[in-house]
């Protein structure tokens, strides 16, 4: 049996997705897996994120990796009237020990590029974890196309510039 057809028969959240939404989610999984192997030594987490941030800083590459676009996207998505909005809860940041860089990236316009980079990478990592471990199946699976496309573009830009 075709796995996508099987999911459609079992899960109404999945069966309501468009082909473009399914492609964005599937592509993100593949890009993340490749990115984690290529740039994070198959071990995503703070230590590897900091190491990658140090590399980008030493090469002065933050302006080349889609960073400003990601920060703007995340701020528009997760901040309303200067405060974090309800969507932040669905990132489940507590599962990553509430990385301060995420809050600084979202709320502190003056934080440095490395902090913004680490904050963005943690949000993308939470997308990966929430999809892989299931919370996105319980809520908002239909709303993930833009998140997955932006996250994939961010990861690709990092790989293209390191």
N, C-alpha and C. Protein backbone atom coordinates (compact mmCIF):
# COMPACT_ATOMS: atom_id res chain seq x y z
N UNK A 1 0.84 -1.19 0.00
CA UNK A 1 0.00 0.00 0.00
C UNK A 1 0.88 1.25 0.00
N UNK A 2 0.43 2.26 -0.66
CA UNK A 2 1.12 3.55 -0.69
C UNK A 2 1.03 4.20 0.69
N UNK A 3 2.16 4.59 1.28
CA UNK A 3 2.13 5.19 2.63
C UNK A 3 1.28 6.46 2.73
N UNK A 4 1.29 7.29 1.70
CA UNK A 4 0.48 8.51 1.75
C UNK A 4 -1.01 8.18 1.70
N UNK A 5 -1.38 7.23 0.88
CA UNK A 5 -2.78 6.82 0.84
C UNK A 5 -3.21 6.23 2.19
N UNK A 6 -2.35 5.43 2.77
CA UNK A 6 -2.64 4.82 4.07
C UNK A 6 -2.87 5.90 5.12
N UNK A 7 -1.98 6.92 5.16
CA UNK A 7 -2.17 8.02 6.11
C UNK A 7 -3.49 8.76 5.88
N UNK A 8 -3.81 8.96 4.62
CA UNK A 8 -5.07 9.66 4.30
C UNK A 8 -6.29 8.90 4.83
N UNK A 9 -6.24 7.59 4.81
CA UNK A 9 -7.38 6.81 5.31
C UNK A 9 -7.45 6.79 6.83
N UNK A 10 -6.35 7.06 7.49
CA UNK A 10 -6.29 6.96 8.96
C UNK A 10 -6.36 8.31 9.67
N UNK A 11 -5.96 9.37 9.02
CA UNK A 11 -5.78 10.64 9.71
C UNK A 11 -6.41 11.78 8.91
N UNK A 12 -7.48 12.34 9.44
CA UNK A 12 -8.17 13.41 8.71
C UNK A 12 -7.29 14.65 8.57
N UNK A 13 -6.43 14.94 9.56
CA UNK A 13 -5.52 16.08 9.42
C UNK A 13 -4.61 15.93 8.21
N UNK A 14 -4.18 14.72 7.95
CA UNK A 14 -3.31 14.48 6.81
C UNK A 14 -4.09 14.49 5.50
N UNK A 15 -5.24 13.88 5.50
CA UNK A 15 -6.02 13.78 4.25
C UNK A 15 -6.49 15.15 3.76
N UNK A 16 -6.52 16.15 4.64
CA UNK A 16 -6.94 17.49 4.22
C UNK A 16 -5.78 18.33 3.67
N UNK A 17 -4.57 17.81 3.72
CA UNK A 17 -3.42 18.55 3.21
C UNK A 17 -3.39 18.54 1.68
N UNK A 18 -2.90 19.63 1.12
CA UNK A 18 -2.72 19.68 -0.32
C UNK A 18 -1.40 19.00 -0.68
N UNK A 19 -1.24 18.71 -1.95
CA UNK A 19 0.01 18.11 -2.42
C UNK A 19 1.20 19.02 -2.12
N UNK A 20 1.00 20.33 -2.23
CA UNK A 20 2.07 21.29 -1.93
C UNK A 20 2.45 21.28 -0.46
N UNK A 21 1.47 21.11 0.41
CA UNK A 21 1.74 21.05 1.85
C UNK A 21 2.51 19.77 2.19
N UNK A 22 2.10 18.67 1.61
CA UNK A 22 2.80 17.40 1.85
C UNK A 22 4.24 17.49 1.33
N UNK A 23 4.41 18.09 0.16
CA UNK A 23 5.76 18.24 -0.40
C UNK A 23 6.63 19.10 0.51
N UNK A 24 6.10 20.19 1.03
CA UNK A 24 6.88 21.08 1.91
C UNK A 24 7.33 20.35 3.17
N UNK A 25 6.42 19.57 3.76
CA UNK A 25 6.75 18.81 4.97
C UNK A 25 7.78 17.72 4.65
N UNK A 26 7.55 16.98 3.60
CA UNK A 26 8.48 15.90 3.21
C UNK A 26 9.86 16.46 2.86
N UNK A 27 9.88 17.55 2.13
CA UNK A 27 11.16 18.17 1.75
C UNK A 27 11.91 18.65 2.97
N UNK A 28 11.20 19.22 3.92
CA UNK A 28 11.86 19.68 5.14
C UNK A 28 12.53 18.51 5.86
N UNK A 29 11.83 17.40 5.99
CA UNK A 29 12.44 16.24 6.66
C UNK A 29 13.73 15.82 5.96
N UNK A 30 13.71 15.76 4.64
CA UNK A 30 14.90 15.35 3.90
C UNK A 30 16.03 16.37 4.06
N UNK A 31 15.70 17.64 3.92
CA UNK A 31 16.72 18.69 4.06
C UNK A 31 17.29 18.68 5.47
N UNK A 32 16.42 18.57 6.49
CA UNK A 32 16.93 18.55 7.87
C UNK A 32 17.89 17.37 8.06
N UNK A 33 17.52 16.20 7.60
CA UNK A 33 18.35 15.02 7.78
C UNK A 33 19.72 15.22 7.12
N UNK A 34 19.72 15.75 5.93
CA UNK A 34 20.97 16.01 5.22
C UNK A 34 21.78 17.08 5.95
N UNK A 35 21.13 18.15 6.37
CA UNK A 35 21.79 19.23 7.11
C UNK A 35 22.41 18.70 8.40
N UNK A 36 21.68 17.90 9.14
CA UNK A 36 22.19 17.39 10.41
C UNK A 36 23.44 16.53 10.18
N UNK A 37 23.42 15.73 9.14
CA UNK A 37 24.59 14.90 8.84
C UNK A 37 25.76 15.75 8.35
N UNK A 38 25.49 16.70 7.48
CA UNK A 38 26.54 17.49 6.86
C UNK A 38 27.15 18.54 7.78
N UNK A 39 26.33 19.19 8.59
CA UNK A 39 26.78 20.36 9.34
C UNK A 39 26.77 20.20 10.85
N UNK A 40 26.11 19.17 11.36
CA UNK A 40 25.99 19.02 12.81
C UNK A 40 26.55 17.69 13.31
N UNK A 41 27.33 17.02 12.48
CA UNK A 41 27.94 15.75 12.86
C UNK A 41 26.91 14.75 13.39
N UNK A 42 25.73 14.73 12.78
CA UNK A 42 24.64 13.82 13.14
C UNK A 42 24.18 13.99 14.59
N UNK A 43 24.35 15.18 15.13
CA UNK A 43 24.04 15.41 16.54
C UNK A 43 23.53 16.83 16.75
N UNK A 44 22.28 17.07 16.43
CA UNK A 44 21.71 18.40 16.59
C UNK A 44 21.59 18.76 18.06
N UNK A 45 21.89 20.01 18.37
CA UNK A 45 21.76 20.50 19.74
C UNK A 45 22.64 21.72 19.95
N UNK A 46 22.58 22.26 21.14
CA UNK A 46 23.26 23.51 21.47
C UNK A 46 24.74 23.49 21.09
N UNK A 47 25.45 22.45 21.45
CA UNK A 47 26.90 22.39 21.21
C UNK A 47 27.20 22.56 19.72
N UNK A 48 26.50 21.80 18.88
CA UNK A 48 26.74 21.88 17.44
C UNK A 48 26.22 23.19 16.85
N UNK A 49 25.12 23.70 17.37
CA UNK A 49 24.60 24.99 16.88
C UNK A 49 25.62 26.09 17.16
N UNK A 50 26.21 26.11 18.35
CA UNK A 50 27.21 27.12 18.70
C UNK A 50 28.45 26.98 17.82
N UNK A 51 28.86 25.76 17.57
CA UNK A 51 30.02 25.53 16.72
C UNK A 51 29.76 26.06 15.30
N UNK A 52 28.58 25.78 14.77
CA UNK A 52 28.23 26.26 13.44
C UNK A 52 28.12 27.78 13.43
N UNK A 53 27.56 28.36 14.49
CA UNK A 53 27.50 29.82 14.60
C UNK A 53 28.88 30.44 14.64
N UNK A 54 29.80 29.82 15.36
CA UNK A 54 31.19 30.32 15.41
C UNK A 54 31.83 30.27 14.02
N UNK A 55 31.57 29.19 13.28
CA UNK A 55 32.12 29.07 11.93
C UNK A 55 31.59 30.19 11.03
N UNK A 56 30.29 30.40 11.06
CA UNK A 56 29.70 31.45 10.23
C UNK A 56 30.22 32.83 10.63
N UNK A 57 30.39 33.05 11.93
CA UNK A 57 30.92 34.34 12.40
C UNK A 57 32.36 34.53 11.92
N UNK A 58 33.17 33.49 12.02
CA UNK A 58 34.58 33.61 11.61
C UNK A 58 34.71 33.85 10.11
N UNK A 59 33.73 33.39 9.34
CA UNK A 59 33.75 33.57 7.89
C UNK A 59 32.94 34.80 7.46
N UNK A 60 32.36 35.50 8.44
CA UNK A 60 31.56 36.69 8.16
C UNK A 60 30.45 36.38 7.14
N UNK A 61 29.70 35.30 7.38
CA UNK A 61 28.71 34.81 6.42
C UNK A 61 27.26 35.02 6.85
N UNK A 62 27.01 35.63 7.99
CA UNK A 62 25.62 35.76 8.45
C UNK A 62 24.74 36.50 7.45
N UNK A 63 25.30 37.46 6.73
CA UNK A 63 24.49 38.22 5.77
C UNK A 63 24.14 37.40 4.53
N UNK A 64 24.77 36.25 4.36
CA UNK A 64 24.56 35.44 3.16
C UNK A 64 23.66 34.23 3.39
N UNK A 65 23.15 34.05 4.58
CA UNK A 65 22.45 32.79 4.87
C UNK A 65 20.95 32.94 5.13
N UNK A 66 20.32 33.98 4.58
CA UNK A 66 18.87 34.06 4.71
C UNK A 66 18.47 34.39 6.14
N UNK A 67 19.43 34.92 6.94
CA UNK A 67 19.18 35.14 8.36
C UNK A 67 18.16 36.25 8.61
N UNK A 68 18.32 37.39 7.97
CA UNK A 68 17.37 38.49 8.20
C UNK A 68 15.95 38.10 7.83
N UNK A 69 15.81 37.35 6.74
CA UNK A 69 14.48 36.89 6.33
C UNK A 69 13.87 35.95 7.37
N UNK A 70 14.71 35.06 7.92
CA UNK A 70 14.20 34.14 8.95
C UNK A 70 13.79 34.89 10.21
N UNK A 71 14.64 35.81 10.66
CA UNK A 71 14.32 36.58 11.86
C UNK A 71 13.01 37.33 11.66
N UNK A 72 12.86 38.01 10.52
CA UNK A 72 11.62 38.75 10.24
C UNK A 72 10.42 37.82 10.21
N UNK A 73 10.56 36.67 9.57
CA UNK A 73 9.47 35.70 9.50
C UNK A 73 9.07 35.24 10.90
N UNK A 74 10.05 34.87 11.70
CA UNK A 74 9.75 34.39 13.05
C UNK A 74 9.16 35.49 13.92
N UNK A 75 9.65 36.70 13.79
CA UNK A 75 9.09 37.80 14.58
C UNK A 75 7.64 38.07 14.18
N UNK A 76 7.35 38.04 12.89
CA UNK A 76 5.97 38.24 12.44
C UNK A 76 5.07 37.10 12.93
N UNK A 77 5.60 35.91 12.99
CA UNK A 77 4.81 34.75 13.39
C UNK A 77 4.62 34.64 14.89
N UNK A 78 5.64 34.94 15.68
CA UNK A 78 5.63 34.64 17.11
C UNK A 78 5.56 35.85 18.03
N UNK A 79 5.53 37.06 17.47
CA UNK A 79 5.46 38.27 18.30
C UNK A 79 4.27 39.11 17.85
N UNK A 80 3.49 39.55 18.83
CA UNK A 80 2.36 40.45 18.56
C UNK A 80 2.44 41.61 19.56
N UNK A 81 2.44 42.81 19.03
CA UNK A 81 2.47 44.01 19.86
C UNK A 81 3.60 43.99 20.88
N UNK A 82 4.77 43.53 20.44
CA UNK A 82 5.95 43.55 21.28
C UNK A 82 6.08 42.42 22.29
N UNK A 83 5.14 41.48 22.29
CA UNK A 83 5.19 40.35 23.23
C UNK A 83 5.03 39.04 22.47
N UNK A 84 5.52 37.98 23.09
CA UNK A 84 5.34 36.66 22.49
C UNK A 84 3.86 36.33 22.43
N UNK A 85 3.43 35.72 21.33
CA UNK A 85 2.02 35.36 21.19
C UNK A 85 1.80 33.87 21.46
N UNK A 86 0.59 33.43 21.30
CA UNK A 86 0.18 32.07 21.63
C UNK A 86 0.94 31.01 20.84
N UNK A 87 1.44 31.34 19.65
CA UNK A 87 2.10 30.34 18.82
C UNK A 87 3.40 29.82 19.43
N UNK A 88 4.04 30.64 20.25
CA UNK A 88 5.30 30.23 20.87
C UNK A 88 5.11 28.97 21.70
N UNK A 89 3.96 28.86 22.35
CA UNK A 89 3.66 27.68 23.17
C UNK A 89 3.78 26.39 22.37
N UNK A 90 3.40 26.43 21.08
CA UNK A 90 3.38 25.23 20.25
C UNK A 90 4.77 24.83 19.76
N UNK A 91 5.77 25.66 20.00
CA UNK A 91 7.14 25.27 19.67
C UNK A 91 7.67 24.25 20.68
N UNK A 92 7.10 24.25 21.88
CA UNK A 92 7.56 23.37 22.96
C UNK A 92 9.04 23.59 23.25
N UNK A 93 9.39 24.87 23.43
CA UNK A 93 10.78 25.24 23.70
C UNK A 93 11.32 24.62 24.98
N UNK A 94 10.44 24.31 25.90
CA UNK A 94 10.89 23.68 27.15
C UNK A 94 11.59 22.35 26.88
N UNK A 95 11.24 21.70 25.77
CA UNK A 95 11.90 20.45 25.40
C UNK A 95 13.35 20.66 24.97
N UNK A 96 13.70 21.90 24.68
CA UNK A 96 15.08 22.26 24.35
C UNK A 96 15.68 23.17 25.41
N UNK A 97 15.12 23.10 26.61
CA UNK A 97 15.59 23.87 27.78
C UNK A 97 15.44 25.38 27.59
N UNK A 98 14.38 25.79 26.90
CA UNK A 98 14.05 27.21 26.71
C UNK A 98 15.27 28.05 26.32
N UNK A 99 15.83 27.80 25.16
CA UNK A 99 17.05 28.52 24.77
C UNK A 99 16.84 30.03 24.73
N UNK A 100 17.65 30.74 25.49
CA UNK A 100 17.53 32.20 25.59
C UNK A 100 17.67 32.88 24.23
N UNK A 101 18.45 32.28 23.34
CA UNK A 101 18.66 32.88 22.02
C UNK A 101 17.35 33.03 21.24
N UNK A 102 16.40 32.13 21.44
CA UNK A 102 15.12 32.25 20.76
C UNK A 102 14.39 33.51 21.23
N UNK A 103 14.36 33.71 22.53
CA UNK A 103 13.67 34.87 23.08
C UNK A 103 14.39 36.16 22.69
N UNK A 104 15.72 36.14 22.70
CA UNK A 104 16.48 37.32 22.29
C UNK A 104 16.24 37.63 20.82
N UNK A 105 16.27 36.60 19.96
CA UNK A 105 16.05 36.79 18.54
C UNK A 105 14.66 37.37 18.27
N UNK A 106 13.68 36.91 19.01
CA UNK A 106 12.31 37.37 18.78
C UNK A 106 12.04 38.76 19.35
N UNK A 107 12.62 39.07 20.49
CA UNK A 107 12.23 40.28 21.22
C UNK A 107 13.29 41.37 21.32
N UNK A 108 14.54 41.06 21.01
CA UNK A 108 15.62 42.02 21.17
C UNK A 108 16.21 42.35 19.81
N UNK A 109 15.79 43.46 19.24
CA UNK A 109 16.25 43.86 17.92
C UNK A 109 17.75 44.12 17.89
N UNK A 110 18.35 44.39 19.03
CA UNK A 110 19.78 44.72 19.09
C UNK A 110 20.69 43.53 19.33
N UNK A 111 20.14 42.32 19.40
CA UNK A 111 21.03 41.17 19.65
C UNK A 111 21.91 40.93 18.42
N UNK A 112 23.05 40.30 18.65
CA UNK A 112 24.02 40.11 17.57
C UNK A 112 23.58 39.01 16.61
N UNK A 113 24.26 38.95 15.47
CA UNK A 113 23.90 38.00 14.41
C UNK A 113 24.03 36.55 14.87
N UNK A 114 25.04 36.24 15.67
CA UNK A 114 25.20 34.86 16.13
C UNK A 114 24.02 34.46 17.01
N UNK A 115 23.57 35.34 17.89
CA UNK A 115 22.42 35.05 18.74
C UNK A 115 21.18 34.84 17.88
N UNK A 116 20.99 35.68 16.88
CA UNK A 116 19.85 35.53 15.97
C UNK A 116 19.92 34.18 15.25
N UNK A 117 21.12 33.84 14.79
CA UNK A 117 21.30 32.57 14.08
C UNK A 117 20.95 31.39 14.98
N UNK A 118 21.49 31.37 16.19
CA UNK A 118 21.22 30.27 17.12
C UNK A 118 19.72 30.22 17.43
N UNK A 119 19.10 31.38 17.65
CA UNK A 119 17.66 31.42 17.91
C UNK A 119 16.86 30.85 16.76
N UNK A 120 17.19 31.24 15.54
CA UNK A 120 16.49 30.71 14.37
C UNK A 120 16.70 29.21 14.24
N UNK A 121 17.93 28.77 14.44
CA UNK A 121 18.22 27.35 14.30
C UNK A 121 17.47 26.53 15.35
N UNK A 122 17.32 27.07 16.56
CA UNK A 122 16.54 26.36 17.57
C UNK A 122 15.07 26.27 17.18
N UNK A 123 14.50 27.31 16.58
CA UNK A 123 13.11 27.24 16.16
C UNK A 123 12.95 26.18 15.06
N UNK A 124 13.87 26.17 14.11
CA UNK A 124 13.82 25.17 13.05
C UNK A 124 13.97 23.77 13.64
N UNK A 125 14.83 23.63 14.62
CA UNK A 125 15.02 22.36 15.32
C UNK A 125 13.73 21.93 16.03
N UNK A 126 13.03 22.89 16.62
CA UNK A 126 11.75 22.57 17.26
C UNK A 126 10.73 22.13 16.21
N UNK A 127 10.73 22.75 15.03
CA UNK A 127 9.84 22.29 13.95
C UNK A 127 10.13 20.81 13.67
N UNK A 128 11.40 20.49 13.54
CA UNK A 128 11.81 19.12 13.26
C UNK A 128 11.32 18.19 14.37
N UNK A 129 11.60 18.56 15.61
CA UNK A 129 11.21 17.69 16.72
C UNK A 129 9.70 17.56 16.84
N UNK A 130 9.00 18.65 16.67
CA UNK A 130 7.54 18.61 16.80
C UNK A 130 6.89 17.79 15.69
N UNK A 131 7.46 17.82 14.51
CA UNK A 131 6.94 16.97 13.43
C UNK A 131 7.34 15.52 13.65
N UNK A 132 8.59 15.30 13.97
CA UNK A 132 9.08 13.93 14.11
C UNK A 132 8.46 13.22 15.31
N UNK A 133 8.30 13.92 16.41
CA UNK A 133 7.80 13.29 17.63
C UNK A 133 6.30 13.41 17.81
N UNK A 134 5.62 14.12 16.92
CA UNK A 134 4.18 14.04 16.91
C UNK A 134 3.33 15.23 17.29
N UNK A 135 3.79 16.22 18.06
CA UNK A 135 2.86 17.29 18.46
C UNK A 135 2.18 18.00 17.30
N UNK A 136 2.83 18.11 16.15
CA UNK A 136 2.19 18.79 15.02
C UNK A 136 1.02 17.97 14.47
N UNK A 137 0.99 16.68 14.73
CA UNK A 137 -0.15 15.88 14.30
C UNK A 137 -1.39 16.23 15.12
N UNK A 138 -1.18 16.67 16.35
CA UNK A 138 -2.32 17.01 17.21
C UNK A 138 -2.88 18.39 16.90
N UNK A 139 -2.02 19.26 16.36
CA UNK A 139 -2.50 20.63 16.13
C UNK A 139 -1.72 21.28 15.00
N UNK A 140 -2.42 21.97 14.17
CA UNK A 140 -1.83 22.88 13.18
C UNK A 140 -0.99 22.24 12.09
N UNK A 141 -1.18 20.96 11.80
CA UNK A 141 -0.43 20.34 10.72
C UNK A 141 -0.70 21.07 9.40
N UNK A 142 -1.93 21.50 9.22
CA UNK A 142 -2.31 22.19 7.99
C UNK A 142 -1.58 23.52 7.82
N UNK A 143 -1.13 24.13 8.91
CA UNK A 143 -0.52 25.46 8.85
C UNK A 143 1.00 25.43 8.71
N UNK A 144 1.57 24.32 8.31
CA UNK A 144 3.03 24.19 8.33
C UNK A 144 3.74 24.47 7.01
N UNK A 145 3.03 24.66 5.93
CA UNK A 145 3.69 24.82 4.63
C UNK A 145 4.70 25.96 4.63
N UNK A 146 4.30 27.14 5.03
CA UNK A 146 5.23 28.28 5.02
C UNK A 146 6.39 28.04 5.98
N UNK A 147 6.10 27.47 7.16
CA UNK A 147 7.18 27.17 8.11
C UNK A 147 8.20 26.23 7.50
N UNK A 148 7.72 25.18 6.86
CA UNK A 148 8.62 24.18 6.29
C UNK A 148 9.43 24.75 5.13
N UNK A 149 8.79 25.56 4.30
CA UNK A 149 9.51 26.16 3.17
C UNK A 149 10.56 27.14 3.66
N UNK A 150 10.22 27.99 4.62
CA UNK A 150 11.19 28.93 5.16
C UNK A 150 12.34 28.20 5.83
N UNK A 151 12.02 27.20 6.65
CA UNK A 151 13.05 26.45 7.35
C UNK A 151 13.98 25.74 6.35
N UNK A 152 13.41 25.13 5.34
CA UNK A 152 14.23 24.45 4.33
C UNK A 152 15.15 25.43 3.63
N UNK A 153 14.63 26.59 3.25
CA UNK A 153 15.45 27.61 2.59
C UNK A 153 16.59 28.08 3.49
N UNK A 154 16.31 28.23 4.78
CA UNK A 154 17.33 28.63 5.74
C UNK A 154 18.43 27.57 5.81
N UNK A 155 18.05 26.31 5.94
CA UNK A 155 19.05 25.24 6.03
C UNK A 155 19.87 25.14 4.76
N UNK A 156 19.23 25.25 3.62
CA UNK A 156 19.94 25.20 2.34
C UNK A 156 20.93 26.36 2.24
N UNK A 157 20.50 27.54 2.67
CA UNK A 157 21.41 28.70 2.58
C UNK A 157 22.62 28.52 3.49
N UNK A 158 22.43 27.90 4.65
CA UNK A 158 23.56 27.61 5.54
C UNK A 158 24.52 26.64 4.85
N UNK A 159 23.96 25.57 4.29
CA UNK A 159 24.81 24.58 3.63
C UNK A 159 25.54 25.15 2.43
N UNK A 160 24.89 26.05 1.70
CA UNK A 160 25.52 26.67 0.54
C UNK A 160 26.64 27.64 0.90
N UNK A 161 26.67 28.07 2.16
CA UNK A 161 27.64 29.10 2.56
C UNK A 161 28.62 28.66 3.62
N UNK A 162 28.70 27.36 3.87
CA UNK A 162 29.69 26.85 4.83
C UNK A 162 30.45 25.68 4.22
